[in-house]
mmCIF file of all heavy atoms, coordinates in Angstrom:
data_MODEL
# 
_entry.id   MODEL 
# 
loop_
_atom_site.group_PDB 
_atom_site.id 
_atom_site.type_symbol 
_atom_site.label_atom_id 
_atom_site.label_alt_id 
_atom_site.label_comp_id 
_atom_site.label_asym_id 
_atom_site.label_entity_id 
_atom_site.label_seq_id 
_atom_site.pdbx_PDB_ins_code 
_atom_site.Cartn_x 
_atom_site.Cartn_y 
_atom_site.Cartn_z 
_atom_site.occupancy 
_atom_site.B_iso_or_equiv 
_atom_site.pdbx_formal_charge 
_atom_site.auth_seq_id 
_atom_site.auth_comp_id 
_atom_site.auth_asym_id 
_atom_site.auth_atom_id 
_atom_site.pdbx_PDB_model_num 
ATOM 1   N N   . ALA A 1 1  ? -12.444 -39.063 9.942   1.00 0.00 ? 1  ALA A N   1 
ATOM 2   C CA  . ALA A 1 1  ? -12.202 -38.968 11.383  1.00 0.00 ? 1  ALA A CA  1 
ATOM 3   C C   . ALA A 1 1  ? -11.154 -37.904 11.697  1.00 0.00 ? 1  ALA A C   1 
ATOM 4   O O   . ALA A 1 1  ? -11.290 -37.135 12.659  1.00 0.00 ? 1  ALA A O   1 
ATOM 5   C CB  . ALA A 1 1  ? -11.756 -40.332 11.919  1.00 0.00 ? 1  ALA A CB  1 
ATOM 6   N N   . VAL A 1 2  ? -10.115 -37.838 10.872  1.00 0.00 ? 2  VAL A N   1 
ATOM 7   C CA  . VAL A 1 2  ? -9.073  -36.823 11.069  1.00 0.00 ? 2  VAL A CA  1 
ATOM 8   C C   . VAL A 1 2  ? -9.664  -35.424 10.920  1.00 0.00 ? 2  VAL A C   1 
ATOM 9   O O   . VAL A 1 2  ? -9.379  -34.513 11.711  1.00 0.00 ? 2  VAL A O   1 
ATOM 10  C CB  . VAL A 1 2  ? -7.916  -37.035 10.065  1.00 0.00 ? 2  VAL A CB  1 
ATOM 11  C CG1 . VAL A 1 2  ? -6.966  -35.842 10.075  1.00 0.00 ? 2  VAL A CG1 1 
ATOM 12  C CG2 . VAL A 1 2  ? -7.167  -38.315 10.380  1.00 0.00 ? 2  VAL A CG2 1 
ATOM 13  N N   . LEU A 1 3  ? -10.508 -35.227 9.897   1.00 0.00 ? 3  LEU A N   1 
ATOM 14  C CA  . LEU A 1 3  ? -11.111 -33.916 9.653   1.00 0.00 ? 3  LEU A CA  1 
ATOM 15  C C   . LEU A 1 3  ? -12.003 -33.470 10.811  1.00 0.00 ? 3  LEU A C   1 
ATOM 16  O O   . LEU A 1 3  ? -12.056 -32.285 11.160  1.00 0.00 ? 3  LEU A O   1 
ATOM 17  C CB  . LEU A 1 3  ? -11.925 -33.944 8.357   1.00 0.00 ? 3  LEU A CB  1 
ATOM 18  C CG  . LEU A 1 3  ? -11.118 -33.850 7.059   1.00 0.00 ? 3  LEU A CG  1 
ATOM 19  C CD1 . LEU A 1 3  ? -11.978 -34.215 5.860   1.00 0.00 ? 3  LEU A CD1 1 
ATOM 20  C CD2 . LEU A 1 3  ? -10.541 -32.452 6.885   1.00 0.00 ? 3  LEU A CD2 1 
ATOM 21  N N   . VAL A 1 4  ? -12.682 -34.416 11.396  1.00 0.00 ? 4  VAL A N   1 
ATOM 22  C CA  . VAL A 1 4  ? -13.628 -34.076 12.469  1.00 0.00 ? 4  VAL A CA  1 
ATOM 23  C C   . VAL A 1 4  ? -12.914 -33.849 13.797  1.00 0.00 ? 4  VAL A C   1 
ATOM 24  O O   . VAL A 1 4  ? -13.263 -32.939 14.555  1.00 0.00 ? 4  VAL A O   1 
ATOM 25  C CB  . VAL A 1 4  ? -14.693 -35.186 12.610  1.00 0.00 ? 4  VAL A CB  1 
ATOM 26  C CG1 . VAL A 1 4  ? -15.579 -34.933 13.833  1.00 0.00 ? 4  VAL A CG1 1 
ATOM 27  C CG2 . VAL A 1 4  ? -15.551 -35.255 11.348  1.00 0.00 ? 4  VAL A CG2 1 
ATOM 28  N N   . PHE A 1 5  ? -11.854 -34.642 14.059  1.00 0.00 ? 5  PHE A N   1 
ATOM 29  C CA  . PHE A 1 5  ? -11.282 -34.632 15.408  1.00 0.00 ? 5  PHE A CA  1 
ATOM 30  C C   . PHE A 1 5  ? -9.845  -34.076 15.511  1.00 0.00 ? 5  PHE A C   1 
ATOM 31  O O   . PHE A 1 5  ? -9.437  -33.659 16.591  1.00 0.00 ? 5  PHE A O   1 
ATOM 32  C CB  . PHE A 1 5  ? -11.271 -36.058 15.992  1.00 0.00 ? 5  PHE A CB  1 
ATOM 33  C CG  . PHE A 1 5  ? -12.649 -36.655 16.078  1.00 0.00 ? 5  PHE A CG  1 
ATOM 34  C CD1 . PHE A 1 5  ? -13.011 -37.702 15.243  1.00 0.00 ? 5  PHE A CD1 1 
ATOM 35  C CD2 . PHE A 1 5  ? -13.580 -36.169 16.976  1.00 0.00 ? 5  PHE A CD2 1 
ATOM 36  C CE1 . PHE A 1 5  ? -14.281 -38.274 15.318  1.00 0.00 ? 5  PHE A CE1 1 
ATOM 37  C CE2 . PHE A 1 5  ? -14.853 -36.735 17.065  1.00 0.00 ? 5  PHE A CE2 1 
ATOM 38  C CZ  . PHE A 1 5  ? -15.207 -37.781 16.232  1.00 0.00 ? 5  PHE A CZ  1 
ATOM 39  N N   . ILE A 1 6  ? -9.051  -34.082 14.427  1.00 0.00 ? 6  ILE A N   1 
ATOM 40  C CA  . ILE A 1 6  ? -7.616  -33.840 14.602  1.00 0.00 ? 6  ILE A CA  1 
ATOM 41  C C   . ILE A 1 6  ? -7.097  -32.662 13.776  1.00 0.00 ? 6  ILE A C   1 
ATOM 42  O O   . ILE A 1 6  ? -5.893  -32.508 13.620  1.00 0.00 ? 6  ILE A O   1 
ATOM 43  C CB  . ILE A 1 6  ? -6.816  -35.121 14.258  1.00 0.00 ? 6  ILE A CB  1 
ATOM 44  C CG1 . ILE A 1 6  ? -7.472  -36.356 14.851  1.00 0.00 ? 6  ILE A CG1 1 
ATOM 45  C CG2 . ILE A 1 6  ? -5.382  -35.042 14.757  1.00 0.00 ? 6  ILE A CG2 1 
ATOM 46  C CD1 . ILE A 1 6  ? -6.751  -37.652 14.528  1.00 0.00 ? 6  ILE A CD1 1 
ATOM 47  N N   . THR A 1 7  ? -7.921  -31.818 13.205  1.00 0.00 ? 7  THR A N   1 
ATOM 48  C CA  . THR A 1 7  ? -7.397  -30.720 12.390  1.00 0.00 ? 7  THR A CA  1 
ATOM 49  C C   . THR A 1 7  ? -6.786  -29.594 13.223  1.00 0.00 ? 7  THR A C   1 
ATOM 50  O O   . THR A 1 7  ? -5.822  -28.957 12.803  1.00 0.00 ? 7  THR A O   1 
ATOM 51  C CB  . THR A 1 7  ? -8.514  -30.136 11.500  1.00 0.00 ? 7  THR A CB  1 
ATOM 52  O OG1 . THR A 1 7  ? -9.659  -29.858 12.315  1.00 0.00 ? 7  THR A OG1 1 
ATOM 53  C CG2 . THR A 1 7  ? -8.871  -31.086 10.390  1.00 0.00 ? 7  THR A CG2 1 
ATOM 54  N N   . LYS A 1 8  ? -7.313  -29.365 14.432  1.00 0.00 ? 8  LYS A N   1 
ATOM 55  C CA  . LYS A 1 8  ? -6.812  -28.261 15.245  1.00 0.00 ? 8  LYS A CA  1 
ATOM 56  C C   . LYS A 1 8  ? -5.336  -28.431 15.619  1.00 0.00 ? 8  LYS A C   1 
ATOM 57  O O   . LYS A 1 8  ? -4.546  -27.470 15.505  1.00 0.00 ? 8  LYS A O   1 
ATOM 58  C CB  . LYS A 1 8  ? -7.647  -28.092 16.508  1.00 0.00 ? 8  LYS A CB  1 
ATOM 59  C CG  . LYS A 1 8  ? -7.293  -26.833 17.296  1.00 0.00 ? 8  LYS A CG  1 
ATOM 60  C CD  . LYS A 1 8  ? -8.250  -26.602 18.446  1.00 0.00 ? 8  LYS A CD  1 
ATOM 61  C CE  . LYS A 1 8  ? -7.879  -25.315 19.187  1.00 0.00 ? 8  LYS A CE  1 
ATOM 62  N NZ  . LYS A 1 8  ? -8.804  -25.028 20.304  1.00 0.00 ? 8  LYS A NZ  1 
ATOM 63  N N   . PRO A 1 9  ? -4.892  -29.624 16.037  1.00 0.00 ? 9  PRO A N   1 
ATOM 64  C CA  . PRO A 1 9  ? -3.457  -29.780 16.353  1.00 0.00 ? 9  PRO A CA  1 
ATOM 65  C C   . PRO A 1 9  ? -2.535  -29.487 15.173  1.00 0.00 ? 9  PRO A C   1 
ATOM 66  O O   . PRO A 1 9  ? -1.385  -29.088 15.368  1.00 0.00 ? 9  PRO A O   1 
ATOM 67  C CB  . PRO A 1 9  ? -3.349  -31.249 16.782  1.00 0.00 ? 9  PRO A CB  1 
ATOM 68  C CG  . PRO A 1 9  ? -4.714  -31.599 17.267  1.00 0.00 ? 9  PRO A CG  1 
ATOM 69  C CD  . PRO A 1 9  ? -5.652  -30.829 16.391  1.00 0.00 ? 9  PRO A CD  1 
ATOM 70  N N   . LEU A 1 10 ? -3.041  -29.674 13.921  1.00 0.00 ? 10 LEU A N   1 
ATOM 71  C CA  . LEU A 1 10 ? -2.197  -29.447 12.753  1.00 0.00 ? 10 LEU A CA  1 
ATOM 72  C C   . LEU A 1 10 ? -1.801  -27.977 12.587  1.00 0.00 ? 10 LEU A C   1 
ATOM 73  O O   . LEU A 1 10 ? -0.876  -27.666 11.845  1.00 0.00 ? 10 LEU A O   1 
ATOM 74  C CB  . LEU A 1 10 ? -2.920  -29.933 11.483  1.00 0.00 ? 10 LEU A CB  1 
ATOM 75  C CG  . LEU A 1 10 ? -3.063  -31.457 11.329  1.00 0.00 ? 10 LEU A CG  1 
ATOM 76  C CD1 . LEU A 1 10 ? -3.895  -31.792 10.106  1.00 0.00 ? 10 LEU A CD1 1 
ATOM 77  C CD2 . LEU A 1 10 ? -1.690  -32.120 11.240  1.00 0.00 ? 10 LEU A CD2 1 
ATOM 78  N N   . SER A 1 11 ? -2.485  -27.080 13.301  1.00 0.00 ? 11 SER A N   1 
ATOM 79  C CA  . SER A 1 11 ? -2.119  -25.662 13.223  1.00 0.00 ? 11 SER A CA  1 
ATOM 80  C C   . SER A 1 11 ? -0.735  -25.405 13.811  1.00 0.00 ? 11 SER A C   1 
ATOM 81  O O   . SER A 1 11 ? -0.114  -24.378 13.535  1.00 0.00 ? 11 SER A O   1 
ATOM 82  C CB  . SER A 1 11 ? -3.159  -24.804 13.953  1.00 0.00 ? 11 SER A CB  1 
ATOM 83  O OG  . SER A 1 11 ? -3.209  -25.130 15.332  1.00 0.00 ? 11 SER A OG  1 
ATOM 84  N N   . TYR A 1 12 ? -0.225  -26.357 14.628  1.00 0.00 ? 12 TYR A N   1 
ATOM 85  C CA  . TYR A 1 12 ? 1.099   -26.219 15.238  1.00 0.00 ? 12 TYR A CA  1 
ATOM 86  C C   . TYR A 1 12 ? 2.207   -26.807 14.360  1.00 0.00 ? 12 TYR A C   1 
ATOM 87  O O   . TYR A 1 12 ? 3.369   -26.813 14.753  1.00 0.00 ? 12 TYR A O   1 
ATOM 88  C CB  . TYR A 1 12 ? 1.122   -26.913 16.612  1.00 0.00 ? 12 TYR A CB  1 
ATOM 89  C CG  . TYR A 1 12 ? 0.193   -26.283 17.615  1.00 0.00 ? 12 TYR A CG  1 
ATOM 90  C CD1 . TYR A 1 12 ? -1.032  -26.860 17.917  1.00 0.00 ? 12 TYR A CD1 1 
ATOM 91  C CD2 . TYR A 1 12 ? 0.545   -25.102 18.265  1.00 0.00 ? 12 TYR A CD2 1 
ATOM 92  C CE1 . TYR A 1 12 ? -1.891  -26.287 18.840  1.00 0.00 ? 12 TYR A CE1 1 
ATOM 93  C CE2 . TYR A 1 12 ? -0.310  -24.513 19.192  1.00 0.00 ? 12 TYR A CE2 1 
ATOM 94  C CZ  . TYR A 1 12 ? -1.527  -25.109 19.466  1.00 0.00 ? 12 TYR A CZ  1 
ATOM 95  O OH  . TYR A 1 12 ? -2.372  -24.533 20.378  1.00 0.00 ? 12 TYR A OH  1 
ATOM 96  N N   . LEU A 1 13 ? 1.857   -27.285 13.186  1.00 0.00 ? 13 LEU A N   1 
ATOM 97  C CA  . LEU A 1 13 ? 2.852   -27.861 12.282  1.00 0.00 ? 13 LEU A CA  1 
ATOM 98  C C   . LEU A 1 13 ? 3.700   -26.745 11.654  1.00 0.00 ? 13 LEU A C   1 
ATOM 99  O O   . LEU A 1 13 ? 3.160   -25.817 11.051  1.00 0.00 ? 13 LEU A O   1 
ATOM 100 C CB  . LEU A 1 13 ? 2.167   -28.673 11.178  1.00 0.00 ? 13 LEU A CB  1 
ATOM 101 C CG  . LEU A 1 13 ? 3.077   -29.265 10.088  1.00 0.00 ? 13 LEU A CG  1 
ATOM 102 C CD1 . LEU A 1 13 ? 3.982   -30.339 10.671  1.00 0.00 ? 13 LEU A CD1 1 
ATOM 103 C CD2 . LEU A 1 13 ? 2.235   -29.845 8.948   1.00 0.00 ? 13 LEU A CD2 1 
ATOM 104 N N   . PRO A 1 14 ? 5.029   -26.803 11.753  1.00 0.00 ? 14 PRO A N   1 
ATOM 105 C CA  . PRO A 1 14 ? 5.883   -25.798 11.121  1.00 0.00 ? 14 PRO A CA  1 
ATOM 106 C C   . PRO A 1 14 ? 5.755   -25.830 9.595   1.00 0.00 ? 14 PRO A C   1 
ATOM 107 O O   . PRO A 1 14 ? 5.700   -26.905 8.988   1.00 0.00 ? 14 PRO A O   1 
ATOM 108 C CB  . PRO A 1 14 ? 7.298   -26.193 11.554  1.00 0.00 ? 14 PRO A CB  1 
ATOM 109 C CG  . PRO A 1 14 ? 7.099   -26.971 12.818  1.00 0.00 ? 14 PRO A CG  1 
ATOM 110 C CD  . PRO A 1 14 ? 5.811   -27.709 12.624  1.00 0.00 ? 14 PRO A CD  1 
ATOM 111 N N   . GLN A 1 15 ? 5.703   -24.669 8.976   1.00 0.00 ? 15 GLN A N   1 
ATOM 112 C CA  . GLN A 1 15 ? 5.602   -24.586 7.522   1.00 0.00 ? 15 GLN A CA  1 
ATOM 113 C C   . GLN A 1 15 ? 6.788   -25.263 6.836   1.00 0.00 ? 15 GLN A C   1 
ATOM 114 O O   . GLN A 1 15 ? 6.634   -25.887 5.779   1.00 0.00 ? 15 GLN A O   1 
ATOM 115 C CB  . GLN A 1 15 ? 5.536   -23.120 7.094   1.00 0.00 ? 15 GLN A CB  1 
ATOM 116 C CG  . GLN A 1 15 ? 4.278   -22.386 7.518   1.00 0.00 ? 15 GLN A CG  1 
ATOM 117 C CD  . GLN A 1 15 ? 4.265   -20.956 7.052   1.00 0.00 ? 15 GLN A CD  1 
ATOM 118 O OE1 . GLN A 1 15 ? 5.052   -20.552 6.193   1.00 0.00 ? 15 GLN A OE1 1 
ATOM 119 N NE2 . GLN A 1 15 ? 3.371   -20.147 7.626   1.00 0.00 ? 15 GLN A NE2 1 
ATOM 120 N N   . ALA A 1 16 ? 7.953   -25.159 7.443   1.00 0.00 ? 16 ALA A N   1 
ATOM 121 C CA  . ALA A 1 16 ? 9.155   -25.744 6.850   1.00 0.00 ? 16 ALA A CA  1 
ATOM 122 C C   . ALA A 1 16 ? 9.065   -27.262 6.765   1.00 0.00 ? 16 ALA A C   1 
ATOM 123 O O   . ALA A 1 16 ? 9.647   -27.871 5.855   1.00 0.00 ? 16 ALA A O   1 
ATOM 124 C CB  . ALA A 1 16 ? 10.395  -25.343 7.654   1.00 0.00 ? 16 ALA A CB  1 
ATOM 125 N N   . VAL A 1 17 ? 8.344   -27.879 7.717   1.00 0.00 ? 17 VAL A N   1 
ATOM 126 C CA  . VAL A 1 17 ? 8.187   -29.339 7.696   1.00 0.00 ? 17 VAL A CA  1 
ATOM 127 C C   . VAL A 1 17 ? 7.348   -29.752 6.493   1.00 0.00 ? 17 VAL A C   1 
ATOM 128 O O   . VAL A 1 17 ? 7.689   -30.694 5.759   1.00 0.00 ? 17 VAL A O   1 
ATOM 129 C CB  . VAL A 1 17 ? 7.544   -29.831 9.009   1.00 0.00 ? 17 VAL A CB  1 
ATOM 130 C CG1 . VAL A 1 17 ? 7.236   -31.324 8.921   1.00 0.00 ? 17 VAL A CG1 1 
ATOM 131 C CG2 . VAL A 1 17 ? 8.467   -29.550 10.187  1.00 0.00 ? 17 VAL A CG2 1 
ATOM 132 N N   . LEU A 1 18 ? 6.248   -29.041 6.276   1.00 0.00 ? 18 LEU A N   1 
ATOM 133 C CA  . LEU A 1 18 ? 5.399   -29.337 5.119   1.00 0.00 ? 18 LEU A CA  1 
ATOM 134 C C   . LEU A 1 18 ? 6.166   -29.089 3.821   1.00 0.00 ? 18 LEU A C   1 
ATOM 135 O O   . LEU A 1 18 ? 6.066   -29.876 2.870   1.00 0.00 ? 18 LEU A O   1 
ATOM 136 C CB  . LEU A 1 18 ? 4.139   -28.474 5.166   1.00 0.00 ? 18 LEU A CB  1 
ATOM 137 C CG  . LEU A 1 18 ? 3.000   -28.870 4.227   1.00 0.00 ? 18 LEU A CG  1 
ATOM 138 C CD1 . LEU A 1 18 ? 2.588   -30.313 4.456   1.00 0.00 ? 18 LEU A CD1 1 
ATOM 139 C CD2 . LEU A 1 18 ? 1.818   -27.934 4.404   1.00 0.00 ? 18 LEU A CD2 1 
ATOM 140 N N   . ALA A 1 19 ? 6.941   -28.021 3.793   1.00 0.00 ? 19 ALA A N   1 
ATOM 141 C CA  . ALA A 1 19 ? 7.762   -27.737 2.608   1.00 0.00 ? 19 ALA A CA  1 
ATOM 142 C C   . ALA A 1 19 ? 8.791   -28.838 2.374   1.00 0.00 ? 19 ALA A C   1 
ATOM 143 O O   . ALA A 1 19 ? 9.066   -29.214 1.221   1.00 0.00 ? 19 ALA A O   1 
ATOM 144 C CB  . ALA A 1 19 ? 8.463   -26.387 2.780   1.00 0.00 ? 19 ALA A CB  1 
ATOM 145 N N   . SER A 1 20 ? 9.337   -29.392 3.436   1.00 0.00 ? 20 SER A N   1 
ATOM 146 C CA  . SER A 1 20 ? 10.317  -30.477 3.318   1.00 0.00 ? 20 SER A CA  1 
ATOM 147 C C   . SER A 1 20 ? 9.678   -31.742 2.770   1.00 0.00 ? 20 SER A C   1 
ATOM 148 O O   . SER A 1 20 ? 10.277  -32.461 1.960   1.00 0.00 ? 20 SER A O   1 
ATOM 149 C CB  . SER A 1 20 ? 10.957  -30.760 4.680   1.00 0.00 ? 20 SER A CB  1 
ATOM 150 O OG  . SER A 1 20 ? 11.625  -29.616 5.172   1.00 0.00 ? 20 SER A OG  1 
ATOM 151 N N   . VAL A 1 21 ? 8.439   -32.012 3.209   1.00 0.00 ? 21 VAL A N   1 
ATOM 152 C CA  . VAL A 1 21 ? 7.691   -33.168 2.684   1.00 0.00 ? 21 VAL A CA  1 
ATOM 153 C C   . VAL A 1 21 ? 7.479   -33.003 1.187   1.00 0.00 ? 21 VAL A C   1 
ATOM 154 O O   . VAL A 1 21 ? 7.693   -33.931 0.394   1.00 0.00 ? 21 VAL A O   1 
ATOM 155 C CB  . VAL A 1 21 ? 6.336   -33.317 3.416   1.00 0.00 ? 21 VAL A CB  1 
ATOM 156 C CG1 . VAL A 1 21 ? 5.477   -34.376 2.720   1.00 0.00 ? 21 VAL A CG1 1 
ATOM 157 C CG2 . VAL A 1 21 ? 6.550   -33.680 4.874   1.00 0.00 ? 21 VAL A CG2 1 
ATOM 158 N N   . VAL A 1 22 ? 7.064   -31.797 0.769   1.00 0.00 ? 22 VAL A N   1 
ATOM 159 C CA  . VAL A 1 22 ? 6.848   -31.520 -0.652  1.00 0.00 ? 22 VAL A CA  1 
ATOM 160 C C   . VAL A 1 22 ? 8.162   -31.596 -1.427  1.00 0.00 ? 22 VAL A C   1 
ATOM 161 O O   . VAL A 1 22 ? 8.205   -32.100 -2.560  1.00 0.00 ? 22 VAL A O   1 
ATOM 162 C CB  . VAL A 1 22 ? 6.203   -30.128 -0.823  1.00 0.00 ? 22 VAL A CB  1 
ATOM 163 C CG1 . VAL A 1 22 ? 6.049   -29.786 -2.303  1.00 0.00 ? 22 VAL A CG1 1 
ATOM 164 C CG2 . VAL A 1 22 ? 4.859   -30.079 -0.130  1.00 0.00 ? 22 VAL A CG2 1 
ATOM 165 N N   . PHE A 1 23 ? 9.241   -31.111 -0.825  1.00 0.00 ? 23 PHE A N   1 
ATOM 166 C CA  . PHE A 1 23 ? 10.558  -31.155 -1.459  1.00 0.00 ? 23 PHE A CA  1 
ATOM 167 C C   . PHE A 1 23 ? 10.949  -32.591 -1.801  1.00 0.00 ? 23 PHE A C   1 
ATOM 168 O O   . PHE A 1 23 ? 11.428  -32.880 -2.904  1.00 0.00 ? 23 PHE A O   1 
ATOM 169 C CB  . PHE A 1 23 ? 11.596  -30.530 -0.520  1.00 0.00 ? 23 PHE A CB  1 
ATOM 170 C CG  . PHE A 1 23 ? 13.000  -30.554 -1.053  1.00 0.00 ? 23 PHE A CG  1 
ATOM 171 C CD1 . PHE A 1 23 ? 13.417  -29.620 -1.991  1.00 0.00 ? 23 PHE A CD1 1 
ATOM 172 C CD2 . PHE A 1 23 ? 13.911  -31.502 -0.616  1.00 0.00 ? 23 PHE A CD2 1 
ATOM 173 C CE1 . PHE A 1 23 ? 14.721  -29.635 -2.484  1.00 0.00 ? 23 PHE A CE1 1 
ATOM 174 C CE2 . PHE A 1 23 ? 15.206  -31.535 -1.100  1.00 0.00 ? 23 PHE A CE2 1 
ATOM 175 C CZ  . PHE A 1 23 ? 15.614  -30.596 -2.036  1.00 0.00 ? 23 PHE A CZ  1 
ATOM 176 N N   . VAL A 1 24 ? 10.718  -33.513 -0.862  1.00 0.00 ? 24 VAL A N   1 
ATOM 177 C CA  . VAL A 1 24 ? 11.040  -34.927 -1.090  1.00 0.00 ? 24 VAL A CA  1 
ATOM 178 C C   . VAL A 1 24 ? 10.142  -35.509 -2.177  1.00 0.00 ? 24 VAL A C   1 
ATOM 179 O O   . VAL A 1 24 ? 10.593  -36.301 -3.012  1.00 0.00 ? 24 VAL A O   1 
ATOM 180 C CB  . VAL A 1 24 ? 10.903  -35.727 0.223   1.00 0.00 ? 24 VAL A CB  1 
ATOM 181 C CG1 . VAL A 1 24 ? 11.098  -37.220 -0.045  1.00 0.00 ? 24 VAL A CG1 1 
ATOM 182 C CG2 . VAL A 1 24 ? 11.924  -35.248 1.247   1.00 0.00 ? 24 VAL A CG2 1 
ATOM 183 N N   . ILE A 1 25 ? 8.859   -35.107 -2.186  1.00 0.00 ? 25 ILE A N   1 
ATOM 184 C CA  . ILE A 1 25 ? 7.939   -35.554 -3.241  1.00 0.00 ? 25 ILE A CA  1 
ATOM 185 C C   . ILE A 1 25 ? 8.479   -35.137 -4.609  1.00 0.00 ? 25 ILE A C   1 
ATOM 186 O O   . ILE A 1 25 ? 8.481   -35.922 -5.564  1.00 0.00 ? 25 ILE A O   1 
ATOM 187 C CB  . ILE A 1 25 ? 6.532   -34.961 -3.025  1.00 0.00 ? 25 ILE A CB  1 
ATOM 188 C CG1 . ILE A 1 25 ? 5.870   -35.584 -1.788  1.00 0.00 ? 25 ILE A CG1 1 
ATOM 189 C CG2 . ILE A 1 25 ? 5.651   -35.192 -4.253  1.00 0.00 ? 25 ILE A CG2 1 
ATOM 190 C CD1 . ILE A 1 25 ? 4.571   -34.905 -1.378  1.00 0.00 ? 25 ILE A CD1 1 
ATOM 191 N N   . GLY A 1 26 ? 8.947   -33.891 -4.693  1.00 0.00 ? 26 GLY A N   1 
ATOM 192 C CA  . GLY A 1 26 ? 9.516   -33.408 -5.949  1.00 0.00 ? 26 GLY A CA  1 
ATOM 193 C C   . GLY A 1 26 ? 10.744  -34.197 -6.367  1.00 0.00 ? 26 GLY A C   1 
ATOM 194 O O   . GLY A 1 26 ? 10.893  -34.546 -7.545  1.00 0.00 ? 26 GLY A O   1 
ATOM 195 N N   . LEU A 1 27 ? 11.608  -34.507 -5.407  1.00 0.00 ? 27 LEU A N   1 
ATOM 196 C CA  . LEU A 1 27 ? 12.816  -35.283 -5.722  1.00 0.00 ? 27 LEU A CA  1 
ATOM 197 C C   . LEU A 1 27 ? 12.467  -36.657 -6.282  1.00 0.00 ? 27 LEU A C   1 
ATOM 198 O O   . LEU A 1 27 ? 13.140  -37.157 -7.194  1.00 0.00 ? 27 LEU A O   1 
ATOM 199 C CB  . LEU A 1 27 ? 13.684  -35.442 -4.467  1.00 0.00 ? 27 LEU A CB  1 
ATOM 200 C CG  . LEU A 1 27 ? 14.376  -34.185 -3.921  1.00 0.00 ? 27 LEU A CG  1 
ATOM 201 C CD1 . LEU A 1 27 ? 15.219  -34.557 -2.703  1.00 0.00 ? 27 LEU A CD1 1 
ATOM 202 C CD2 . LEU A 1 27 ? 15.250  -33.528 -4.987  1.00 0.00 ? 27 LEU A CD2 1 
ATOM 203 N N   . LYS A 1 28 ? 11.416  -37.266 -5.744  1.00 0.00 ? 28 LYS A N   1 
ATOM 204 C CA  . LYS A 1 28 ? 11.013  -38.597 -6.207  1.00 0.00 ? 28 LYS A CA  1 
ATOM 205 C C   . LYS A 1 28 ? 10.501  -38.572 -7.644  1.00 0.00 ? 28 LYS A C   1 
ATOM 206 O O   . LYS A 1 28 ? 10.551  -39.587 -8.341  1.00 0.00 ? 28 LYS A O   1 
ATOM 207 C CB  . LYS A 1 28 ? 9.934   -39.169 -5.281  1.00 0.00 ? 28 LYS A CB  1 
ATOM 208 C CG  . LYS A 1 28 ? 10.453  -39.558 -3.897  1.00 0.00 ? 28 LYS A CG  1 
ATOM 209 C CD  . LYS A 1 28 ? 9.333   -40.110 -3.026  1.00 0.00 ? 28 LYS A CD  1 
ATOM 210 C CE  . LYS A 1 28 ? 9.856   -40.519 -1.654  1.00 0.00 ? 28 LYS A CE  1 
ATOM 211 N NZ  . LYS A 1 28 ? 8.762   -41.021 -0.778  1.00 0.00 ? 28 LYS A NZ  1 
ATOM 212 N N   . LEU A 1 29 ? 9.987   -37.420 -8.080  1.00 0.00 ? 29 LEU A N   1 
ATOM 213 C CA  . LEU A 1 29 ? 9.487   -37.307 -9.450  1.00 0.00 ? 29 LEU A CA  1 
ATOM 214 C C   . LEU A 1 29 ? 10.618  -37.169 -10.463 1.00 0.00 ? 29 LEU A C   1 
ATOM 215 O O   . LEU A 1 29 ? 10.422  -37.422 -11.649 1.00 0.00 ? 29 LEU A O   1 
ATOM 216 C CB  . LEU A 1 29 ? 8.546   -36.101 -9.569  1.00 0.00 ? 29 LEU A CB  1 
ATOM 217 C CG  . LEU A 1 29 ? 7.156   -36.237 -8.963  1.00 0.00 ? 29 LEU A CG  1 
ATOM 218 C CD1 . LEU A 1 29 ? 6.417   -34.909 -9.047  1.00 0.00 ? 29 LEU A CD1 1 
ATOM 219 C CD2 . LEU A 1 29 ? 6.358   -37.323 -9.666  1.00 0.00 ? 29 LEU A CD2 1 
# 
């Protein structure tokens, strides 16, 4: 459902936010 209806809004996501999410994932490892 997300792929069909909600992918366009994700284009407004800042790259730094995604990098921060990944950064926390790395810390947990």
